[in-house]
Protein backbone atom coordinates (compact mmCIF):
# COMPACT_ATOMS: atom_id res chain seq x y z
CA MET A 1 -57.37 -10.40 7.41
CA ALA A 2 -54.77 -8.95 9.79
CA ASP A 3 -51.97 -6.71 8.47
CA THR A 4 -48.81 -8.71 8.88
CA ARG A 5 -46.37 -6.01 7.56
CA LEU A 6 -43.57 -5.25 10.01
CA THR A 7 -43.55 -1.69 11.35
CA LEU A 8 -40.21 0.14 12.40
CA ALA A 9 -41.13 -0.63 15.96
CA ASP A 10 -41.80 -4.27 15.08
CA GLN A 11 -38.39 -4.45 13.50
CA ALA A 12 -36.69 -2.69 16.27
CA LEU A 13 -38.38 -5.14 18.74
CA ILE A 14 -36.98 -8.14 16.85
CA ASN A 15 -33.45 -6.75 16.80
CA ALA A 16 -33.55 -5.78 20.49
CA LEU A 17 -34.69 -9.36 21.41
CA ILE A 18 -31.93 -10.82 19.31
CA VAL A 19 -29.33 -8.71 21.05
CA ALA A 20 -30.94 -9.43 24.48
CA THR A 21 -31.16 -13.13 24.12
CA ALA A 22 -28.20 -14.13 21.93
CA PRO A 23 -25.06 -15.46 23.76
CA HIS A 24 -22.61 -12.56 23.46
CA LEU A 25 -19.57 -13.72 25.41
CA GLY A 26 -18.06 -10.52 26.99
CA HIS A 27 -20.90 -8.24 25.67
CA GLY A 28 -23.37 -8.39 28.67
CA ASP A 29 -23.58 -4.61 28.36
CA ASN A 30 -25.35 -4.86 24.90
CA ALA A 31 -27.78 -7.42 26.35
CA ARG A 32 -28.65 -5.19 29.28
CA MET A 33 -28.98 -2.14 26.99
CA ALA A 34 -31.30 -3.89 24.66
CA ARG A 35 -33.43 -5.05 27.60
CA GLY A 36 -33.61 -1.55 28.73
CA LEU A 37 -35.05 -0.41 25.39
CA LEU A 38 -37.87 -2.85 25.44
CA GLY A 39 -40.31 -0.69 27.20
CA GLY A 40 -40.09 2.21 24.75
CA ILE A 41 -40.20 -0.13 21.86
CA LEU A 42 -43.30 -2.17 23.18
CA ALA A 43 -45.28 1.13 23.36
CA HIS A 44 -45.19 1.30 19.54
CA VAL A 45 -45.36 -2.26 18.25
CA ASN A 46 -48.30 -3.50 16.00
CA ARG A 47 -50.29 -5.64 18.47
CA GLY A 48 -52.67 -6.39 15.73
CA ASN A 49 -50.15 -8.45 13.99
CA PRO A 50 -50.85 -12.20 15.06
CA LYS A 51 -47.48 -13.24 13.79
CA LEU A 52 -45.94 -11.26 16.62
CA THR A 53 -48.20 -12.13 19.51
CA ALA A 54 -45.76 -14.71 21.19
CA LEU A 55 -42.79 -12.37 20.55
CA ILE A 56 -44.56 -9.36 22.11
CA LYS A 57 -45.58 -11.42 25.19
CA ALA A 58 -42.02 -12.68 25.72
CA ALA A 59 -40.69 -9.17 25.35
CA GLU A 60 -43.20 -7.95 27.93
CA GLN A 61 -42.04 -10.73 30.37
CA MET A 62 -38.52 -9.85 29.49
CA HIS A 63 -39.12 -6.20 30.25
CA ALA A 64 -40.78 -7.10 33.58
CA GLY A 65 -37.62 -8.87 34.67
CA GLY A 66 -38.11 -12.49 33.39
CA GLY A 67 -35.34 -14.90 33.63
CA TYR A 68 -33.91 -17.83 31.77
CA ALA A 69 -37.35 -19.35 30.85
CA THR A 70 -38.26 -15.95 29.41
CA ASP A 71 -35.13 -16.03 27.32
CA LEU A 72 -36.10 -19.33 25.89
CA ARG A 73 -39.62 -18.19 25.02
CA ALA A 74 -38.16 -15.12 23.25
CA ARG A 75 -35.71 -17.16 21.38
CA SER A 76 -38.41 -19.56 20.24
CA ALA A 77 -40.68 -16.68 19.34
CA LEU A 78 -37.73 -15.12 17.32
CA ALA A 79 -37.23 -18.37 15.44
CA ASP A 80 -41.05 -18.49 14.54
CA VAL A 81 -40.75 -14.99 13.16
CA ALA A 82 -37.62 -15.64 11.35
CA LEU A 83 -39.19 -18.78 9.59
CA TRP A 84 -42.23 -16.58 8.65
CA ARG A 85 -40.08 -13.99 7.23
CA LEU A 86 -37.90 -16.57 5.45
CA GLY A 87 -40.90 -18.08 3.83
CA GLY A 88 -42.10 -14.75 2.71
CA ALA A 89 -38.66 -13.92 1.19
CA LEU A 90 -38.38 -17.23 -0.57
CA GLU A 91 -41.86 -16.72 -1.98
CA ALA A 92 -40.97 -13.14 -3.31
CA MET A 93 -37.82 -14.55 -4.79
CA LYS A 94 -39.77 -17.33 -6.50
CA GLN A 95 -42.10 -14.72 -7.98
CA GLY A 96 -39.15 -12.48 -9.08
CA ASP A 97 -39.98 -9.59 -6.73
CA ALA A 98 -36.62 -9.48 -5.04
CA ALA A 99 -33.36 -7.98 -6.55
């Protein structure tokens, strides 16, 4: 079974894609900055985590200069990861593992 824990680089990738794809009216510099960080982050992500495959692919396309369709793929992949993490958090809460 694959290790699906998130590394620091995985978490950085998720946050960079949120900043890069979220509509920030008047904050285009933040989106450009986040897109510029993708190359360095991608070098360290856990490519063995099947839960991140679509997210990593979208980030690679964005880093290569992808446009609007790439943004949509990244948003979709982010939603999938968020749902996966939400499910895990709710399960931990049910089991009393969360403070």
